[in-house]
C-alpha atoms as a PDB file:
ATOM      1  CA  MET A   1     155.076  42.853 308.766  1.00  0.00           C
ATOM      2  CA  THR A   2     154.230  43.034 312.458  1.00  0.00           C
ATOM      3  CA  ASP A   3     157.514  41.660 313.803  1.00  0.00           C
ATOM      4  CA  CYS A   4     159.663  44.161 311.865  1.00  0.00           C
ATOM      5  CA  LEU A   5     160.900  47.030 314.031  1.00  0.00           C
ATOM      6  CA  PHE A   6     160.996  49.504 311.130  1.00  0.00           C
ATOM      7  CA  CYS A   7     157.547  48.468 309.861  1.00  0.00           C
ATOM      8  CA  ARG A   8     156.196  49.257 313.324  1.00  0.00           C
ATOM      9  CA  ILE A   9     157.856  52.689 313.218  1.00  0.00           C
ATOM     10  CA  ALA A  10     156.568  53.334 309.684  1.00  0.00           C
ATOM     11  CA  GLY A  11     153.070  52.301 310.764  1.00  0.00           C
ATOM     12  CA  GLY A  12     153.128  54.605 313.786  1.00  0.00           C
ATOM     13  CA  ASP A  13     152.910  51.711 316.244  1.00  0.00           C
ATOM     14  CA  LEU A  14     156.338  52.423 317.726  1.00  0.00           C
ATOM     15  CA  ALA A  15     157.599  55.864 318.710  1.00  0.00           C
ATOM     16  CA  ALA A  16     160.535  57.423 316.901  1.00  0.00           C
ATOM     17  CA  ASP A  17     161.957  60.925 316.454  1.00  0.00           C
ATOM     18  CA  VAL A  18     160.530  61.335 312.949  1.00  0.00           C
ATOM     19  CA  ALA A  19     162.279  63.884 310.748  1.00  0.00           C
ATOM     20  CA  TYR A  20     160.250  63.289 307.562  1.00  0.00           C
ATOM     21  CA  ARG A  21     157.233  61.296 306.454  1.00  0.00           C
ATOM     22  CA  ASP A  22     155.256  60.894 303.255  1.00  0.00           C
ATOM     23  CA  ASP A  23     153.258  58.060 301.666  1.00  0.00           C
ATOM     24  CA  TRP A  24     156.423  56.239 300.527  1.00  0.00           C
ATOM     25  CA  VAL A  25     159.150  57.125 303.033  1.00  0.00           C
ATOM     26  CA  VAL A  26     159.706  57.638 306.757  1.00  0.00           C
ATOM     27  CA  ALA A  27     162.918  59.130 308.136  1.00  0.00           C
ATOM     28  CA  PHE A  28     163.846  59.209 311.800  1.00  0.00           C
ATOM     29  CA  HIS A  29     166.858  59.979 313.956  1.00  0.00           C
ATOM     30  CA  ASP A  30     168.974  56.930 314.842  1.00  0.00           C
ATOM     31  CA  ILE A  31     168.867  56.002 318.539  1.00  0.00           C
ATOM     32  CA  ASN A  32     172.592  55.153 318.397  1.00  0.00           C
ATOM     33  CA  PRO A  33     173.998  57.964 316.217  1.00  0.00           C
ATOM     34  CA  GLN A  34     177.397  57.498 314.610  1.00  0.00           C
ATOM     35  CA  ALA A  35     177.664  61.182 313.634  1.00  0.00           C
ATOM     36  CA  PRO A  36     176.144  64.451 314.869  1.00  0.00           C
ATOM     37  CA  VAL A  37     173.447  63.934 312.211  1.00  0.00           C
ATOM     38  CA  HIS A  38     172.394  60.304 311.755  1.00  0.00           C
ATOM     39  CA  VAL A  39     168.986  59.758 310.218  1.00  0.00           C
ATOM     40  CA  LEU A  40     167.564  56.476 308.931  1.00  0.00           C
ATOM     41  CA  VAL A  41     165.467  56.760 305.766  1.00  0.00           C
ATOM     42  CA  ILE A  42     163.192  53.766 305.185  1.00  0.00           C
ATOM     43  CA  PRO A  43     160.482  52.752 302.755  1.00  0.00           C
ATOM     44  CA  VAL A  44     157.025  52.450 304.322  1.00  0.00           C
ATOM     45  CA  ARG A  45     156.608  49.143 302.482  1.00  0.00           C
ATOM     46  CA  HIS A  46     158.627  46.270 303.902  1.00  0.00           C
ATOM     47  CA  ILE A  47     161.642  45.383 301.780  1.00  0.00           C
ATOM     48  CA  SER A  48     164.213  43.281 303.613  1.00  0.00           C
ATOM     49  CA  SER A  49     167.316  44.559 301.839  1.00  0.00           C
ATOM     50  CA  LEU A  50     168.729  46.174 298.741  1.00  0.00           C
ATOM     51  CA  LEU A  51     168.819  42.699 297.222  1.00  0.00           C
ATOM     52  CA  GLU A  52     165.005  42.590 297.095  1.00  0.00           C
ATOM     53  CA  LEU A  53     164.563  45.767 295.044  1.00  0.00           C
ATOM     54  CA  GLN A  54     163.034  45.248 291.612  1.00  0.00           C
ATOM     55  CA  LEU A  55     163.117  47.413 288.500  1.00  0.00           C
ATOM     56  CA  THR A  56     159.575  48.468 289.377  1.00  0.00           C
ATOM     57  CA  ASP A  57     160.962  49.994 292.605  1.00  0.00           C
ATOM     58  CA  GLU A  58     162.980  52.683 290.816  1.00  0.00           C
ATOM     59  CA  ALA A  59     160.531  55.423 291.906  1.00  0.00           C
ATOM     60  CA  LEU A  60     160.821  54.244 295.511  1.00  0.00           C
ATOM     61  CA  LEU A  61     164.621  54.301 295.368  1.00  0.00           C
ATOM     62  CA  TRP A  62     164.489  57.837 293.950  1.00  0.00           C
ATOM     63  CA  ARG A  63     162.130  58.909 296.761  1.00  0.00           C
ATOM     64  CA  LEU A  64     164.438  57.466 299.427  1.00  0.00           C
ATOM     65  CA  HIS A  65     167.378  59.424 298.033  1.00  0.00           C
ATOM     66  CA  ALA A  66     165.303  62.570 297.521  1.00  0.00           C
ATOM     67  CA  ALA A  67     164.228  62.411 301.174  1.00  0.00           C
ATOM     68  CA  ALA A  68     167.881  62.051 302.240  1.00  0.00           C
ATOM     69  CA  VAL A  69     168.892  65.098 300.173  1.00  0.00           C
ATOM     70  CA  ARG A  70     165.968  67.119 301.514  1.00  0.00           C
ATOM     71  CA  LEU A  71     166.932  66.229 305.085  1.00  0.00           C
ATOM     72  CA  ALA A  72     170.613  66.991 304.455  1.00  0.00           C
ATOM     73  CA  ARG A  73     169.570  70.497 303.432  1.00  0.00           C
ATOM     74  CA  GLU A  74     167.077  70.931 306.298  1.00  0.00           C
ATOM     75  CA  LEU A  75     169.539  69.639 308.904  1.00  0.00           C
ATOM     76  CA  GLY A  76     172.340  71.902 307.677  1.00  0.00           C
ATOM     77  CA  ILE A  77     174.814  69.302 306.440  1.00  0.00           C
ATOM     78  CA  ALA A  78     174.381  69.592 302.667  1.00  0.00           C
ATOM     79  CA  GLU A  79     176.985  72.268 302.006  1.00  0.00           C
ATOM     80  CA  ARG A  80     179.781  70.793 304.145  1.00  0.00           C
ATOM     81  CA  GLY A  81     179.083  67.255 303.008  1.00  0.00           C
ATOM     82  CA  PHE A  82     177.241  64.135 304.023  1.00  0.00           C
ATOM     83  CA  ARG A  83     177.270  60.421 303.417  1.00  0.00           C
ATOM     84  CA  VAL A  84     174.425  58.076 302.431  1.00  0.00           C
ATOM     85  CA  VAL A  85     175.056  54.409 303.228  1.00  0.00           C
ATOM     86  CA  ILE A  86     173.020  51.275 302.576  1.00  0.00           C
ATOM     87  CA  ASN A  87     174.279  48.236 304.479  1.00  0.00           C
ATOM     88  CA  THR A  88     173.169  44.917 303.031  1.00  0.00           C
ATOM     89  CA  ASN A  89     173.131  41.789 305.183  1.00  0.00           C
ATOM     90  CA  ARG A  90     175.019  40.915 308.342  1.00  0.00           C
ATOM     91  CA  GLU A  91     178.680  41.304 307.324  1.00  0.00           C
ATOM     92  CA  ALA A  92     177.976  44.782 305.974  1.00  0.00           C
ATOM     93  CA  GLY A  93     176.367  45.792 309.269  1.00  0.00           C
ATOM     94  CA  GLN A  94     172.656  45.570 308.456  1.00  0.00           C
ATOM     95  CA  SER A  95     171.142  44.905 311.880  1.00  0.00           C
ATOM     96  CA  VAL A  96     167.458  45.427 311.005  1.00  0.00           C
ATOM     97  CA  PRO A  97     166.140  43.404 308.038  1.00  0.00           C
ATOM     98  CA  HIS A  98     164.288  46.325 306.458  1.00  0.00           C
ATOM     99  CA  LEU A  99     165.924  48.377 303.709  1.00  0.00           C
ATOM    100  CA  HIS A 100     167.222  51.661 305.111  1.00  0.00           C
ATOM    101  CA  LEU A 101     169.576  54.449 304.182  1.00  0.00           C
ATOM    102  CA  HIS A 102     171.840  56.021 306.766  1.00  0.00           C
ATOM    103  CA  LEU A 103     172.183  59.779 306.296  1.00  0.00           C
ATOM    104  CA  LEU A 104     175.347  60.800 308.156  1.00  0.00           C
ATOM    105  CA  GLY A 105     176.940  64.207 308.532  1.00  0.00           C
ATOM    106  CA  GLY A 106     178.089  66.977 310.800  1.00  0.00           C
ATOM    107  CA  ARG A 107     181.692  65.763 311.045  1.00  0.00           C
ATOM    108  CA  PRO A 108     184.496  64.787 308.642  1.00  0.00           C
ATOM    109  CA  MET A 109     184.066  61.256 307.292  1.00  0.00           C
ATOM    110  CA  GLY A 110     187.073  58.974 306.896  1.00  0.00           C
ATOM    111  CA  TRP A 111     187.839  56.618 304.034  1.00  0.00           C
ATOM    112  CA  PRO A 112     187.791  53.728 303.825  1.00  0.00           C
ATOM    113  CA  PRO A 113     184.645  53.596 305.949  1.00  0.00           C
ATOM    114  CA  GLY A 114     184.629  50.520 308.176  1.00  0.00           C
END
């Protein structure tokens, strides 16, 4: 999808501070971080939101979470704690219509979140 910001990042057409990449997943540092560590983990394939996932996408969902865990360890936030968030649609704060996980850590997280 050529007009999707995250598709352009996944395709290498738009620069980003990439932290991880494989055939299924791209992860990059958020340009407006909400924590000392704030990485976005996206599928390479365009999926607009969590609502579009199908049962056949279970391997993709596992890979997204596995990439987040790997990055939490590599970025030194796994032991102290981290948060993984998926915002879905406007009222939840999804500003880019491409499924993405927010990996957040490096500071205490409050509850409730928002």
